[in-house]
N, C-alpha and C. Protein backbone atom coordinates (compact mmCIF):
# COMPACT_ATOMS: atom_id res chain seq x y z
N MET A 1 0.86 -1.18 0.00
CA MET A 1 0.00 0.00 0.00
C MET A 1 0.90 1.24 0.00
N ASN A 2 0.65 2.18 -0.90
CA ASN A 2 1.47 3.38 -0.95
C ASN A 2 1.03 4.37 0.14
N ILE A 3 1.82 5.41 0.36
CA ILE A 3 1.57 6.36 1.44
C ILE A 3 0.22 7.06 1.29
N ASP A 4 -0.11 7.48 0.08
CA ASP A 4 -1.39 8.18 -0.12
C ASP A 4 -2.58 7.27 0.19
N THR A 5 -2.49 6.02 -0.21
CA THR A 5 -3.56 5.07 0.07
C THR A 5 -3.67 4.81 1.56
N ALA A 6 -2.52 4.67 2.23
CA ALA A 6 -2.52 4.43 3.69
C ALA A 6 -3.14 5.62 4.43
N LYS A 7 -2.79 6.84 4.01
CA LYS A 7 -3.37 8.03 4.65
C LYS A 7 -4.88 8.10 4.43
N ALA A 8 -5.31 7.81 3.21
CA ALA A 8 -6.74 7.83 2.90
C ALA A 8 -7.49 6.77 3.71
N THR A 9 -6.89 5.60 3.86
CA THR A 9 -7.50 4.53 4.65
C THR A 9 -7.61 4.95 6.10
N ALA A 10 -6.53 5.50 6.66
CA ALA A 10 -6.54 5.96 8.05
C ALA A 10 -7.59 7.05 8.26
N GLU A 11 -7.67 7.99 7.34
CA GLU A 11 -8.66 9.06 7.46
C GLU A 11 -10.08 8.49 7.43
N ALA A 12 -10.33 7.54 6.55
CA ALA A 12 -11.66 6.93 6.47
C ALA A 12 -12.00 6.19 7.76
N GLU A 13 -11.02 5.50 8.33
CA GLU A 13 -11.25 4.79 9.59
C GLU A 13 -11.58 5.77 10.72
N ILE A 14 -10.88 6.90 10.75
CA ILE A 14 -11.12 7.89 11.79
C ILE A 14 -12.47 8.56 11.58
N ARG A 15 -12.85 8.83 10.34
CA ARG A 15 -14.17 9.41 10.08
C ARG A 15 -15.28 8.46 10.56
N THR A 16 -15.10 7.18 10.36
CA THR A 16 -16.06 6.20 10.85
C THR A 16 -16.10 6.23 12.38
N LEU A 17 -14.94 6.30 13.01
CA LEU A 17 -14.87 6.41 14.47
C LEU A 17 -15.59 7.66 14.94
N LEU A 18 -15.35 8.79 14.28
CA LEU A 18 -16.00 10.05 14.63
C LEU A 18 -17.52 9.95 14.46
N ASP A 19 -17.97 9.39 13.36
CA ASP A 19 -19.41 9.24 13.12
C ASP A 19 -20.05 8.37 14.21
N ASN A 20 -19.40 7.29 14.58
CA ASN A 20 -19.94 6.40 15.61
C ASN A 20 -19.95 7.09 16.97
N TRP A 21 -18.92 7.88 17.26
CA TRP A 21 -18.86 8.63 18.51
C TRP A 21 -20.00 9.65 18.57
N LEU A 22 -20.22 10.37 17.46
CA LEU A 22 -21.32 11.34 17.40
C LEU A 22 -22.67 10.67 17.62
N LYS A 23 -22.87 9.50 17.02
CA LYS A 23 -24.12 8.77 17.24
C LYS A 23 -24.29 8.43 18.72
N ALA A 24 -23.22 8.01 19.37
CA ALA A 24 -23.27 7.67 20.80
C ALA A 24 -23.58 8.91 21.63
N VAL A 25 -22.97 10.05 21.29
CA VAL A 25 -23.24 11.29 22.03
C VAL A 25 -24.71 11.66 21.88
N ARG A 26 -25.21 11.67 20.67
CA ARG A 26 -26.60 12.06 20.43
C ARG A 26 -27.59 11.09 21.08
N ALA A 27 -27.18 9.83 21.23
CA ALA A 27 -28.03 8.83 21.88
C ALA A 27 -27.85 8.85 23.40
N ARG A 28 -26.92 9.69 23.87
CA ARG A 28 -26.62 9.79 25.30
C ARG A 28 -26.14 8.44 25.85
N ASP A 29 -25.39 7.74 25.02
CA ASP A 29 -24.89 6.40 25.33
C ASP A 29 -23.47 6.53 25.90
N ILE A 30 -23.39 6.61 27.22
CA ILE A 30 -22.10 6.83 27.89
C ILE A 30 -21.10 5.73 27.52
N GLU A 31 -21.51 4.48 27.59
CA GLU A 31 -20.58 3.38 27.28
C GLU A 31 -20.11 3.45 25.82
N GLY A 32 -21.02 3.81 24.93
CA GLY A 32 -20.64 3.98 23.53
C GLY A 32 -19.66 5.12 23.32
N ILE A 33 -19.85 6.20 24.06
CA ILE A 33 -18.93 7.35 23.98
C ILE A 33 -17.55 6.95 24.45
N VAL A 34 -17.47 6.42 25.66
CA VAL A 34 -16.14 6.15 26.23
C VAL A 34 -15.43 4.99 25.56
N SER A 35 -16.16 4.17 24.78
CA SER A 35 -15.49 3.08 24.05
C SER A 35 -14.53 3.61 23.00
N HIS A 36 -14.65 4.90 22.66
CA HIS A 36 -13.77 5.50 21.65
C HIS A 36 -12.49 6.07 22.24
N TYR A 37 -12.40 6.11 23.57
CA TYR A 37 -11.25 6.72 24.25
C TYR A 37 -10.27 5.67 24.74
N ALA A 38 -8.99 6.03 24.72
CA ALA A 38 -7.95 5.19 25.31
C ALA A 38 -8.05 5.28 26.84
N ALA A 39 -7.58 4.27 27.52
CA ALA A 39 -7.62 4.25 28.99
C ALA A 39 -6.87 5.44 29.58
N ASP A 40 -5.83 5.90 28.87
CA ASP A 40 -5.02 7.02 29.37
C ASP A 40 -5.39 8.36 28.74
N ILE A 41 -6.66 8.50 28.34
CA ILE A 41 -7.13 9.76 27.73
C ILE A 41 -6.76 10.95 28.61
N LEU A 42 -6.33 12.01 27.98
CA LEU A 42 -6.13 13.30 28.65
C LEU A 42 -7.05 14.27 27.92
N ALA A 43 -8.02 14.81 28.64
CA ALA A 43 -9.01 15.68 28.01
C ALA A 43 -9.05 17.04 28.67
N PHE A 44 -9.19 18.05 27.84
CA PHE A 44 -9.41 19.43 28.29
C PHE A 44 -10.78 19.82 27.77
N ASP A 45 -11.71 20.08 28.68
CA ASP A 45 -13.04 20.46 28.26
C ASP A 45 -13.26 21.92 28.59
N ALA A 46 -14.29 22.49 28.00
CA ALA A 46 -14.57 23.92 28.20
C ALA A 46 -15.24 24.18 29.55
N ILE A 47 -15.66 23.14 30.24
CA ILE A 47 -16.36 23.34 31.52
C ILE A 47 -15.77 22.44 32.61
N ALA A 48 -16.03 22.80 33.82
CA ALA A 48 -15.79 22.03 35.04
C ALA A 48 -14.35 22.03 35.52
N GLN A 49 -13.48 21.24 34.95
CA GLN A 49 -12.12 21.09 35.45
C GLN A 49 -11.10 21.57 34.43
N LEU A 50 -9.89 21.75 34.91
CA LEU A 50 -8.80 22.13 34.03
C LEU A 50 -8.44 20.99 33.09
N GLN A 51 -8.47 19.77 33.62
CA GLN A 51 -8.16 18.61 32.80
C GLN A 51 -8.78 17.35 33.41
N PHE A 52 -8.93 16.34 32.57
CA PHE A 52 -9.45 15.05 32.99
C PHE A 52 -8.43 14.01 32.58
N LYS A 53 -7.89 13.30 33.56
CA LYS A 53 -6.87 12.29 33.31
C LYS A 53 -7.47 10.91 33.50
N GLY A 54 -7.48 10.14 32.43
CA GLY A 54 -7.94 8.77 32.49
C GLY A 54 -9.42 8.62 32.15
N LEU A 55 -9.74 7.41 31.75
CA LEU A 55 -11.07 7.10 31.26
C LEU A 55 -12.15 7.27 32.33
N ASP A 56 -11.87 6.84 33.55
CA ASP A 56 -12.89 6.95 34.61
C ASP A 56 -13.25 8.41 34.88
N ALA A 57 -12.25 9.28 34.95
CA ALA A 57 -12.51 10.70 35.21
C ALA A 57 -13.31 11.32 34.08
N TYR A 58 -12.96 10.98 32.84
CA TYR A 58 -13.66 11.59 31.71
C TYR A 58 -15.07 11.03 31.57
N LYS A 59 -15.26 9.76 31.91
CA LYS A 59 -16.61 9.18 31.89
C LYS A 59 -17.51 9.90 32.89
N LYS A 60 -17.01 10.16 34.08
CA LYS A 60 -17.79 10.89 35.08
C LYS A 60 -18.14 12.29 34.58
N HIS A 61 -17.23 12.91 33.86
CA HIS A 61 -17.49 14.24 33.31
C HIS A 61 -18.62 14.17 32.27
N TRP A 62 -18.58 13.19 31.38
CA TRP A 62 -19.65 13.03 30.40
C TRP A 62 -20.99 12.82 31.09
N GLU A 63 -21.00 12.02 32.15
CA GLU A 63 -22.24 11.80 32.90
C GLU A 63 -22.77 13.12 33.47
N ALA A 64 -21.87 13.94 34.00
CA ALA A 64 -22.27 15.25 34.55
C ALA A 64 -22.79 16.17 33.44
N CYS A 65 -22.16 16.12 32.28
CA CYS A 65 -22.62 16.95 31.16
C CYS A 65 -24.04 16.57 30.75
N PHE A 66 -24.32 15.28 30.66
CA PHE A 66 -25.66 14.85 30.28
C PHE A 66 -26.69 15.22 31.33
N ALA A 67 -26.29 15.26 32.58
CA ALA A 67 -27.21 15.67 33.64
C ALA A 67 -27.62 17.14 33.46
N MET A 68 -26.75 17.94 32.84
CA MET A 68 -27.04 19.36 32.61
C MET A 68 -27.85 19.61 31.35
N CYS A 69 -27.84 18.64 30.41
CA CYS A 69 -28.49 18.84 29.11
C CYS A 69 -29.84 18.17 29.08
N PRO A 70 -30.85 18.87 28.58
CA PRO A 70 -32.18 18.27 28.49
C PRO A 70 -32.19 17.06 27.57
N ALA A 71 -33.01 16.09 27.90
CA ALA A 71 -33.15 14.90 27.06
C ALA A 71 -34.44 15.00 26.25
N GLY A 72 -34.60 14.09 25.33
CA GLY A 72 -35.84 14.02 24.58
C GLY A 72 -35.78 14.79 23.28
N PRO A 73 -36.84 14.68 22.48
CA PRO A 73 -36.88 15.36 21.18
C PRO A 73 -36.72 16.86 21.34
N GLY A 74 -35.81 17.41 20.57
CA GLY A 74 -35.58 18.85 20.62
C GLY A 74 -34.80 19.28 21.85
N GLY A 75 -34.36 18.33 22.67
CA GLY A 75 -33.65 18.64 23.91
C GLY A 75 -32.19 18.99 23.66
N MET A 76 -31.32 17.98 23.70
CA MET A 76 -29.89 18.19 23.57
C MET A 76 -29.50 18.49 22.12
N ILE A 77 -28.54 19.39 21.98
CA ILE A 77 -27.97 19.72 20.67
C ILE A 77 -26.49 19.37 20.72
N PHE A 78 -26.02 18.59 19.76
CA PHE A 78 -24.60 18.30 19.63
C PHE A 78 -24.30 18.07 18.16
N GLU A 79 -23.61 19.02 17.55
CA GLU A 79 -23.31 18.97 16.12
C GLU A 79 -21.82 19.13 15.91
N ALA A 80 -21.30 18.52 14.86
CA ALA A 80 -19.90 18.70 14.46
C ALA A 80 -19.87 19.26 13.04
N HIS A 81 -18.99 20.25 12.83
CA HIS A 81 -18.90 20.90 11.52
C HIS A 81 -17.44 21.11 11.13
N ASP A 82 -17.19 21.05 9.85
CA ASP A 82 -15.87 21.34 9.28
C ASP A 82 -14.75 20.55 9.94
N PHE A 83 -14.99 19.27 10.21
CA PHE A 83 -13.97 18.45 10.87
C PHE A 83 -12.94 18.01 9.84
N LYS A 84 -11.69 18.38 10.07
CA LYS A 84 -10.58 18.02 9.20
C LYS A 84 -9.70 17.00 9.92
N ILE A 85 -9.12 16.09 9.17
CA ILE A 85 -8.29 15.03 9.74
C ILE A 85 -6.96 14.98 9.00
N ALA A 86 -5.89 14.84 9.76
CA ALA A 86 -4.55 14.58 9.22
C ALA A 86 -4.09 13.27 9.86
N ALA A 87 -3.87 12.25 9.04
CA ALA A 87 -3.59 10.93 9.59
C ALA A 87 -2.31 10.33 9.04
N GLY A 88 -1.58 9.66 9.92
CA GLY A 88 -0.44 8.86 9.55
C GLY A 88 -0.81 7.40 9.77
N SER A 89 0.21 6.56 9.89
CA SER A 89 -0.09 5.13 10.04
C SER A 89 -0.58 4.76 11.43
N ASP A 90 -0.13 5.49 12.47
CA ASP A 90 -0.57 5.15 13.82
C ASP A 90 -0.88 6.35 14.71
N VAL A 91 -0.77 7.55 14.17
CA VAL A 91 -1.09 8.78 14.91
C VAL A 91 -1.84 9.71 13.96
N ALA A 92 -2.85 10.39 14.51
CA ALA A 92 -3.62 11.33 13.69
C ALA A 92 -4.20 12.41 14.59
N PHE A 93 -4.61 13.50 13.97
CA PHE A 93 -5.34 14.51 14.73
C PHE A 93 -6.43 15.07 13.85
N GLY A 94 -7.44 15.60 14.51
CA GLY A 94 -8.54 16.23 13.81
C GLY A 94 -8.95 17.49 14.54
N HIS A 95 -9.60 18.38 13.81
CA HIS A 95 -10.09 19.61 14.43
C HIS A 95 -11.31 20.09 13.68
N GLY A 96 -12.16 20.81 14.41
CA GLY A 96 -13.37 21.33 13.81
C GLY A 96 -14.14 22.16 14.81
N LEU A 97 -15.39 22.38 14.49
CA LEU A 97 -16.27 23.16 15.35
C LEU A 97 -17.41 22.27 15.82
N THR A 98 -17.86 22.50 17.04
CA THR A 98 -19.03 21.81 17.55
C THR A 98 -20.02 22.83 18.09
N ARG A 99 -21.26 22.48 18.00
CA ARG A 99 -22.33 23.29 18.59
C ARG A 99 -22.99 22.43 19.64
N CYS A 100 -22.97 22.93 20.86
CA CYS A 100 -23.43 22.13 21.98
C CYS A 100 -24.39 22.94 22.84
N GLY A 101 -25.43 22.29 23.30
CA GLY A 101 -26.39 22.95 24.17
C GLY A 101 -27.68 22.18 24.19
N GLY A 102 -28.77 22.92 24.31
CA GLY A 102 -30.06 22.27 24.36
C GLY A 102 -31.20 23.25 24.21
N VAL A 103 -32.39 22.70 24.26
CA VAL A 103 -33.60 23.49 24.22
C VAL A 103 -34.12 23.55 25.65
N GLY A 104 -34.21 24.75 26.20
CA GLY A 104 -34.65 24.92 27.57
C GLY A 104 -36.13 24.62 27.75
N GLU A 105 -36.55 24.60 29.00
CA GLU A 105 -37.96 24.33 29.31
C GLU A 105 -38.89 25.38 28.69
N ASN A 106 -38.34 26.57 28.44
CA ASN A 106 -39.12 27.63 27.81
C ASN A 106 -39.19 27.49 26.29
N GLY A 107 -38.52 26.45 25.76
CA GLY A 107 -38.54 26.21 24.32
C GLY A 107 -37.47 26.95 23.55
N GLU A 108 -36.67 27.74 24.24
CA GLU A 108 -35.61 28.50 23.56
C GLU A 108 -34.32 27.70 23.47
N VAL A 109 -33.64 27.84 22.34
CA VAL A 109 -32.37 27.18 22.13
C VAL A 109 -31.29 27.90 22.92
N GLU A 110 -30.54 27.14 23.68
CA GLU A 110 -29.40 27.66 24.43
C GLU A 110 -28.20 26.82 24.03
N ALA A 111 -27.50 27.23 22.99
CA ALA A 111 -26.37 26.47 22.46
C ALA A 111 -25.27 27.43 22.03
N HIS A 112 -24.03 26.97 22.12
CA HIS A 112 -22.88 27.77 21.73
C HIS A 112 -21.95 26.94 20.86
N TRP A 113 -21.20 27.65 20.05
CA TRP A 113 -20.18 27.03 19.22
C TRP A 113 -18.89 26.92 20.04
N MET A 114 -18.22 25.79 19.85
CA MET A 114 -16.93 25.57 20.48
C MET A 114 -15.96 25.04 19.43
N ARG A 115 -14.70 25.09 19.81
CA ARG A 115 -13.64 24.51 18.98
C ARG A 115 -13.28 23.16 19.59
N VAL A 116 -12.90 22.21 18.75
CA VAL A 116 -12.47 20.91 19.26
C VAL A 116 -11.25 20.44 18.46
N THR A 117 -10.31 19.90 19.19
CA THR A 117 -9.13 19.25 18.60
C THR A 117 -9.03 17.87 19.23
N VAL A 118 -8.78 16.87 18.40
CA VAL A 118 -8.74 15.49 18.88
C VAL A 118 -7.46 14.82 18.40
N GLY A 119 -6.78 14.13 19.32
CA GLY A 119 -5.60 13.34 18.98
C GLY A 119 -5.95 11.86 19.01
N TYR A 120 -5.52 11.12 17.99
CA TYR A 120 -5.82 9.70 17.87
C TYR A 120 -4.52 8.90 17.85
N ARG A 121 -4.59 7.68 18.37
CA ARG A 121 -3.47 6.75 18.28
C ARG A 121 -4.04 5.39 17.89
N LYS A 122 -3.33 4.71 17.01
CA LYS A 122 -3.74 3.37 16.59
C LYS A 122 -2.87 2.35 17.32
N THR A 123 -3.54 1.51 18.11
CA THR A 123 -2.83 0.49 18.88
C THR A 123 -3.50 -0.86 18.61
N ASN A 124 -2.69 -1.84 18.27
CA ASN A 124 -3.22 -3.18 17.95
C ASN A 124 -4.34 -3.11 16.92
N GLY A 125 -4.16 -2.26 15.92
CA GLY A 125 -5.10 -2.16 14.82
C GLY A 125 -6.35 -1.35 15.10
N LYS A 126 -6.43 -0.71 16.27
CA LYS A 126 -7.64 0.03 16.63
C LYS A 126 -7.30 1.50 16.92
N TRP A 127 -8.04 2.42 16.27
CA TRP A 127 -7.89 3.84 16.55
C TRP A 127 -8.65 4.18 17.82
N GLN A 128 -8.00 4.99 18.68
CA GLN A 128 -8.67 5.49 19.88
C GLN A 128 -8.27 6.94 20.09
N VAL A 129 -9.15 7.66 20.76
CA VAL A 129 -8.87 9.05 21.11
C VAL A 129 -7.97 9.05 22.35
N VAL A 130 -6.81 9.71 22.23
CA VAL A 130 -5.89 9.81 23.37
C VAL A 130 -5.87 11.22 23.95
N HIS A 131 -6.36 12.18 23.17
CA HIS A 131 -6.45 13.55 23.67
C HIS A 131 -7.64 14.24 23.00
N GLU A 132 -8.40 14.96 23.82
CA GLU A 132 -9.54 15.72 23.30
C GLU A 132 -9.54 17.07 24.00
N HIS A 133 -9.77 18.11 23.21
CA HIS A 133 -9.73 19.47 23.76
C HIS A 133 -10.88 20.28 23.18
N PHE A 134 -11.83 20.61 24.04
CA PHE A 134 -12.93 21.52 23.69
C PHE A 134 -12.62 22.87 24.31
N SER A 135 -12.87 23.94 23.57
CA SER A 135 -12.71 25.28 24.13
C SER A 135 -13.75 26.20 23.53
N ALA A 136 -14.08 27.22 24.30
CA ALA A 136 -15.06 28.21 23.86
C ALA A 136 -14.43 29.59 23.93
N PRO A 137 -14.56 30.40 22.89
CA PRO A 137 -14.01 31.75 22.95
C PRO A 137 -14.79 32.59 23.96
N PHE A 138 -14.06 33.42 24.70
CA PHE A 138 -14.73 34.27 25.69
C PHE A 138 -14.14 35.67 25.68
N ASP A 139 -14.89 36.60 26.22
CA ASP A 139 -14.49 38.00 26.32
C ASP A 139 -13.64 38.17 27.58
N MET A 140 -12.42 38.61 27.43
CA MET A 140 -11.51 38.74 28.57
C MET A 140 -11.99 39.79 29.58
N GLN A 141 -12.70 40.80 29.12
CA GLN A 141 -13.15 41.85 30.04
C GLN A 141 -14.34 41.41 30.88
N THR A 142 -15.28 40.70 30.27
CA THR A 142 -16.48 40.29 31.01
C THR A 142 -16.41 38.85 31.49
N MET A 143 -15.47 38.07 30.95
CA MET A 143 -15.31 36.65 31.24
C MET A 143 -16.52 35.82 30.80
N LYS A 144 -17.29 36.34 29.85
CA LYS A 144 -18.46 35.63 29.34
C LYS A 144 -18.13 34.95 28.00
N VAL A 145 -18.72 33.77 27.81
CA VAL A 145 -18.56 33.06 26.55
C VAL A 145 -19.20 33.88 25.44
N LEU A 146 -18.49 33.98 24.33
CA LEU A 146 -19.00 34.74 23.18
C LEU A 146 -19.90 33.84 22.34
N ASP A 147 -20.98 34.37 21.87
CA ASP A 147 -21.90 33.62 21.03
C ASP A 147 -21.54 33.89 19.57
N LEU A 148 -20.38 33.35 19.17
CA LEU A 148 -19.89 33.54 17.81
C LEU A 148 -20.47 32.48 16.89
N GLN A 149 -20.60 32.80 15.63
CA GLN A 149 -21.12 31.90 14.61
C GLN A 149 -20.04 31.64 13.59
N PRO A 150 -19.98 30.41 13.06
CA PRO A 150 -18.96 30.12 12.02
C PRO A 150 -19.28 30.84 10.72
């Protein structure tokens, strides 16, 4: 297999991983979500803690996030846009934008755009997320998250 074919294959495998992860997030399937992460995941999220070390810590964080987001039709919003991937034979990274939030009890959408960068490693033939970083732009003077649009 030549280098271009190997890169295209790796990118396709990661896109499938990303699609399956998104399905798990939208289904609020905690076990499905964390099945995509390596045991030694290091995650930086836009809320709660400075960092999450290890699968157990990040799983608890996902559980807390779902507790904050409304469930049901029209409830939780989680979208991925403009996700780009650069892949080698055993290491890859991706980046894009996500829109996360929900529909409040008053029926109004409360969602913001964030940036996401993901690091992948292939071990024993399986791609897993080893690093994930969500961040939200904010105003330094007011310390409020900016409601920017792509």
